[in-house]
Amino acid sequence: MPDTRLTLSPRPGLQVLLGMSLAGVAAVTLTAEGTGWTWGAPSTELRWYATGLGSSATLLQLVGNLSLLVLPAALAVLVWPSLRRPARLVAAALTAGAAIEALQWAIPLGRVVSPVDALLNAAGAMTAGLLVSSFFPWARGLARA
């Protein structure tokens, strides 16, 4: 049976880039915008996205949420080859998206806590991870080099 444990890549450069990308995500999502938090009702947010696609503010929010975890997910797949398995990638992406929203709830930063944002973050991460896994076979060697 193959070893499927998450082990660190022997390429420290990838690990450093992953850490830097995660620090960037933390800076973007965990900076204060006031105090307390607000609940983003999923039905209200979905309606806002659906009716606001002509608005630059809505598009910026949508693209921002979809792209937030793209770089960390792509790098994570290179650092931890076991994340190339779709089920593991989905679990990691959903966990990361939910963790961001949980931290925004737990630390009163004046942010909107939104399950829709968590799902959009996860969707972007899953897409990036699957692209790196599937369409860049040369990347398989990076994690082991």
C-alpha atoms as a PDB file:
ATOM      1  CA  MET A   1       0.000   0.000   0.000  1.00  0.00           C
ATOM      2  CA  PRO A   2       1.510   3.382  -0.944  1.00  0.00           C
ATOM      3  CA  ASP A   3       2.479   5.861   1.740  1.00  0.00           C
ATOM      4  CA  THR A   4      -0.093   8.682   1.642  1.00  0.00           C
ATOM      5  CA  ARG A   5       1.031  10.705   4.659  1.00  0.00           C
ATOM      6  CA  LEU A   6       1.483  14.432   4.230  1.00  0.00           C
ATOM      7  CA  THR A   7       5.223  14.947   4.300  1.00  0.00           C
ATOM      8  CA  LEU A   8       7.125  18.112   3.552  1.00  0.00           C
ATOM      9  CA  SER A   9       8.749  18.512   0.196  1.00  0.00           C
ATOM     10  CA  PRO A  10      12.519  18.386   0.172  1.00  0.00           C
ATOM     11  CA  ARG A  11      12.462  21.641  -1.831  1.00  0.00           C
ATOM     12  CA  PRO A  12      12.563  24.393   0.792  1.00  0.00           C
ATOM     13  CA  GLY A  13      11.943  27.091  -1.839  1.00  0.00           C
ATOM     14  CA  LEU A  14       8.417  25.784  -2.432  1.00  0.00           C
ATOM     15  CA  GLN A  15       7.765  25.721   1.293  1.00  0.00           C
ATOM     16  CA  VAL A  16       8.941  29.325   1.643  1.00  0.00           C
ATOM     17  CA  LEU A  17       6.705  30.438  -1.237  1.00  0.00           C
ATOM     18  CA  LEU A  18       3.772  28.577   0.315  1.00  0.00           C
ATOM     19  CA  GLY A  19       4.392  30.270   3.663  1.00  0.00           C
ATOM     20  CA  MET A  20       4.626  33.677   2.003  1.00  0.00           C
ATOM     21  CA  SER A  21       1.401  33.111   0.071  1.00  0.00           C
ATOM     22  CA  LEU A  22      -0.390  32.079   3.271  1.00  0.00           C
ATOM     23  CA  ALA A  23       0.939  35.186   5.015  1.00  0.00           C
ATOM     24  CA  GLY A  24      -0.535  37.219   2.165  1.00  0.00           C
ATOM     25  CA  VAL A  25      -3.908  35.507   2.595  1.00  0.00           C
ATOM     26  CA  ALA A  26      -3.793  36.255   6.330  1.00  0.00           C
ATOM     27  CA  ALA A  27      -2.930  39.903   5.652  1.00  0.00           C
ATOM     28  CA  VAL A  28      -5.846  40.265   3.241  1.00  0.00           C
ATOM     29  CA  THR A  29      -8.442  38.422   5.308  1.00  0.00           C
ATOM     30  CA  LEU A  30      -7.462  39.118   8.912  1.00  0.00           C
ATOM     31  CA  THR A  31      -6.868  42.860   8.920  1.00  0.00           C
ATOM     32  CA  ALA A  32      -9.297  44.897  10.953  1.00  0.00           C
ATOM     33  CA  GLU A  33     -12.071  46.815   9.257  1.00  0.00           C
ATOM     34  CA  GLY A  34     -13.823  47.806  12.473  1.00  0.00           C
ATOM     35  CA  THR A  35     -15.036  45.757  15.422  1.00  0.00           C
ATOM     36  CA  GLY A  36     -17.314  42.787  15.811  1.00  0.00           C
ATOM     37  CA  TRP A  37     -18.553  40.829  12.814  1.00  0.00           C
ATOM     38  CA  THR A  38     -21.601  40.599  10.572  1.00  0.00           C
ATOM     39  CA  TRP A  39     -23.308  37.480   9.270  1.00  0.00           C
ATOM     40  CA  GLY A  40     -23.510  37.197   5.483  1.00  0.00           C
ATOM     41  CA  ALA A  41     -26.792  35.397   4.845  1.00  0.00           C
ATOM     42  CA  PRO A  42     -26.202  32.970   1.964  1.00  0.00           C
ATOM     43  CA  SER A  43     -29.456  33.730   0.157  1.00  0.00           C
ATOM     44  CA  THR A  44     -28.793  37.472   0.306  1.00  0.00           C
ATOM     45  CA  GLU A  45     -25.217  37.066  -0.912  1.00  0.00           C
ATOM     46  CA  LEU A  46     -26.169  34.725  -3.752  1.00  0.00           C
ATOM     47  CA  ARG A  47     -28.843  37.199  -4.875  1.00  0.00           C
ATOM     48  CA  TRP A  48     -26.283  40.034  -4.661  1.00  0.00           C
ATOM     49  CA  TYR A  49     -23.848  38.110  -6.861  1.00  0.00           C
ATOM     50  CA  ALA A  50     -26.540  37.045  -9.341  1.00  0.00           C
ATOM     51  CA  THR A  51     -27.987  40.524  -9.771  1.00  0.00           C
ATOM     52  CA  GLY A  52     -24.756  42.483  -9.521  1.00  0.00           C
ATOM     53  CA  LEU A  53     -22.563  40.944 -12.200  1.00  0.00           C
ATOM     54  CA  GLY A  54     -22.666  44.251 -14.080  1.00  0.00           C
ATOM     55  CA  SER A  55     -21.168  46.026 -11.077  1.00  0.00           C
ATOM     56  CA  SER A  56     -17.402  46.330 -10.746  1.00  0.00           C
ATOM     57  CA  ALA A  57     -17.704  46.028  -6.951  1.00  0.00           C
ATOM     58  CA  THR A  58     -19.549  42.709  -7.254  1.00  0.00           C
ATOM     59  CA  LEU A  59     -17.117  41.373  -9.840  1.00  0.00           C
ATOM     60  CA  LEU A  60     -14.156  42.424  -7.704  1.00  0.00           C
ATOM     61  CA  GLN A  61     -15.634  40.591  -4.703  1.00  0.00           C
ATOM     62  CA  LEU A  62     -16.383  37.494  -6.790  1.00  0.00           C
ATOM     63  CA  VAL A  63     -12.965  37.333  -8.449  1.00  0.00           C
ATOM     64  CA  GLY A  64     -11.255  38.152  -5.156  1.00  0.00           C
ATOM     65  CA  ASN A  65     -12.985  35.293  -3.352  1.00  0.00           C
ATOM     66  CA  LEU A  66     -12.326  32.844  -6.173  1.00  0.00           C
ATOM     67  CA  SER A  67      -8.647  33.786  -6.419  1.00  0.00           C
ATOM     68  CA  LEU A  68      -7.807  34.149  -2.713  1.00  0.00           C
ATOM     69  CA  LEU A  69      -6.501  30.603  -2.266  1.00  0.00           C
ATOM     70  CA  VAL A  70      -5.315  29.919  -5.829  1.00  0.00           C
ATOM     71  CA  LEU A  71      -1.594  30.413  -5.209  1.00  0.00           C
ATOM     72  CA  PRO A  72      -1.495  28.633  -1.826  1.00  0.00           C
ATOM     73  CA  ALA A  73      -3.437  25.684  -3.282  1.00  0.00           C
ATOM     74  CA  ALA A  74      -1.169  25.386  -6.313  1.00  0.00           C
ATOM     75  CA  LEU A  75       1.911  25.485  -4.108  1.00  0.00           C
ATOM     76  CA  ALA A  76       0.413  23.067  -1.570  1.00  0.00           C
ATOM     77  CA  VAL A  77      -0.114  20.490  -4.309  1.00  0.00           C
ATOM     78  CA  LEU A  78       3.567  20.810  -5.198  1.00  0.00           C
ATOM     79  CA  VAL A  79       4.716  20.608  -1.571  1.00  0.00           C
ATOM     80  CA  TRP A  80       2.359  17.755  -0.626  1.00  0.00           C
ATOM     81  CA  PRO A  81       1.890  15.425  -3.599  1.00  0.00           C
ATOM     82  CA  SER A  82      -0.842  13.514  -1.756  1.00  0.00           C
ATOM     83  CA  LEU A  83      -3.075  16.562  -2.330  1.00  0.00           C
ATOM     84  CA  ARG A  84      -3.209  15.536  -5.993  1.00  0.00           C
ATOM     85  CA  ARG A  85      -5.920  13.104  -4.928  1.00  0.00           C
ATOM     86  CA  PRO A  86      -9.175  14.983  -5.586  1.00  0.00           C
ATOM     87  CA  ALA A  87     -10.838  13.935  -2.327  1.00  0.00           C
ATOM     88  CA  ARG A  88      -7.912  15.242  -0.275  1.00  0.00           C
ATOM     89  CA  LEU A  89      -7.747  18.434  -2.290  1.00  0.00           C
ATOM     90  CA  VAL A  90     -11.473  19.069  -1.820  1.00  0.00           C
ATOM     91  CA  ALA A  91     -11.198  18.430   1.923  1.00  0.00           C
ATOM     92  CA  ALA A  92      -8.192  20.747   2.260  1.00  0.00           C
ATOM     93  CA  ALA A  93      -9.805  23.497   0.162  1.00  0.00           C
ATOM     94  CA  LEU A  94     -13.079  23.400   2.099  1.00  0.00           C
ATOM     95  CA  THR A  95     -11.182  23.373   5.387  1.00  0.00           C
ATOM     96  CA  ALA A  96      -9.101  26.392   4.357  1.00  0.00           C
ATOM     97  CA  GLY A  97     -12.141  28.378   3.212  1.00  0.00           C
ATOM     98  CA  ALA A  98     -14.056  27.539   6.388  1.00  0.00           C
ATOM     99  CA  ALA A  99     -11.027  28.336   8.568  1.00  0.00           C
ATOM    100  CA  ILE A 100     -10.781  31.839   7.150  1.00  0.00           C
ATOM    101  CA  GLU A 101     -14.427  32.543   7.915  1.00  0.00           C
ATOM    102  CA  ALA A 102     -14.136  30.948  11.379  1.00  0.00           C
ATOM    103  CA  LEU A 103     -11.167  33.178  12.187  1.00  0.00           C
ATOM    104  CA  GLN A 104     -13.053  36.241  10.965  1.00  0.00           C
ATOM    105  CA  TRP A 105     -15.874  35.260  13.318  1.00  0.00           C
ATOM    106  CA  ALA A 106     -13.601  34.421  16.277  1.00  0.00           C
ATOM    107  CA  ILE A 107     -11.479  37.565  15.999  1.00  0.00           C
ATOM    108  CA  PRO A 108     -13.790  40.616  15.994  1.00  0.00           C
ATOM    109  CA  LEU A 109     -12.284  42.428  13.007  1.00  0.00           C
ATOM    110  CA  GLY A 110     -15.414  44.055  11.627  1.00  0.00           C
ATOM    111  CA  ARG A 111     -15.597  41.502   8.801  1.00  0.00           C
ATOM    112  CA  VAL A 112     -18.551  39.756   7.179  1.00  0.00           C
ATOM    113  CA  VAL A 113     -18.613  36.058   7.999  1.00  0.00           C
ATOM    114  CA  SER A 114     -19.954  34.262   4.946  1.00  0.00           C
ATOM    115  CA  PRO A 115     -20.386  30.612   4.008  1.00  0.00           C
ATOM    116  CA  VAL A 116     -20.651  31.741   0.368  1.00  0.00           C
ATOM    117  CA  ASP A 117     -17.194  33.324   0.621  1.00  0.00           C
ATOM    118  CA  ALA A 118     -15.832  30.091   2.105  1.00  0.00           C
ATOM    119  CA  LEU A 119     -17.255  28.077  -0.796  1.00  0.00           C
ATOM    120  CA  LEU A 120     -15.916  30.542  -3.383  1.00  0.00           C
ATOM    121  CA  ASN A 121     -12.469  30.425  -1.735  1.00  0.00           C
ATOM    122  CA  ALA A 122     -12.597  26.618  -1.811  1.00  0.00           C
ATOM    123  CA  ALA A 123     -13.746  26.536  -5.444  1.00  0.00           C
ATOM    124  CA  GLY A 124     -10.770  28.633  -6.514  1.00  0.00           C
ATOM    125  CA  ALA A 125      -8.379  26.483  -4.488  1.00  0.00           C
ATOM    126  CA  MET A 126      -9.795  23.254  -5.896  1.00  0.00           C
ATOM    127  CA  THR A 127      -9.562  24.549  -9.454  1.00  0.00           C
ATOM    128  CA  ALA A 128      -5.942  25.639  -9.005  1.00  0.00           C
ATOM    129  CA  GLY A 129      -4.939  22.391  -7.329  1.00  0.00           C
ATOM    130  CA  LEU A 130      -6.591  20.271  -9.997  1.00  0.00           C
ATOM    131  CA  LEU A 131      -4.978  22.308 -12.778  1.00  0.00           C
ATOM    132  CA  VAL A 132      -1.520  21.917 -11.271  1.00  0.00           C
ATOM    133  CA  SER A 133      -2.127  18.205 -10.706  1.00  0.00           C
ATOM    134  CA  SER A 134      -3.602  17.457 -14.106  1.00  0.00           C
ATOM    135  CA  PHE A 135      -2.132  19.793 -16.662  1.00  0.00           C
ATOM    136  CA  PHE A 136       1.397  20.285 -15.445  1.00  0.00           C
ATOM    137  CA  PRO A 137       2.961  16.830 -15.299  1.00  0.00           C
ATOM    138  CA  TRP A 138       6.404  18.442 -15.049  1.00  0.00           C
ATOM    139  CA  ALA A 139       5.370  19.731 -11.611  1.00  0.00           C
ATOM    140  CA  ARG A 140       5.256  16.187 -10.237  1.00  0.00           C
ATOM    141  CA  GLY A 141       9.023  16.093 -10.226  1.00  0.00           C
ATOM    142  CA  LEU A 142       9.349  19.421  -8.359  1.00  0.00           C
ATOM    143  CA  ALA A 143       7.929  18.076  -5.133  1.00  0.00           C
ATOM    144  CA  ARG A 144      10.332  15.151  -5.129  1.00  0.00           C
ATOM    145  CA  ALA A 145      13.436  16.935  -6.455  1.00  0.00           C
END
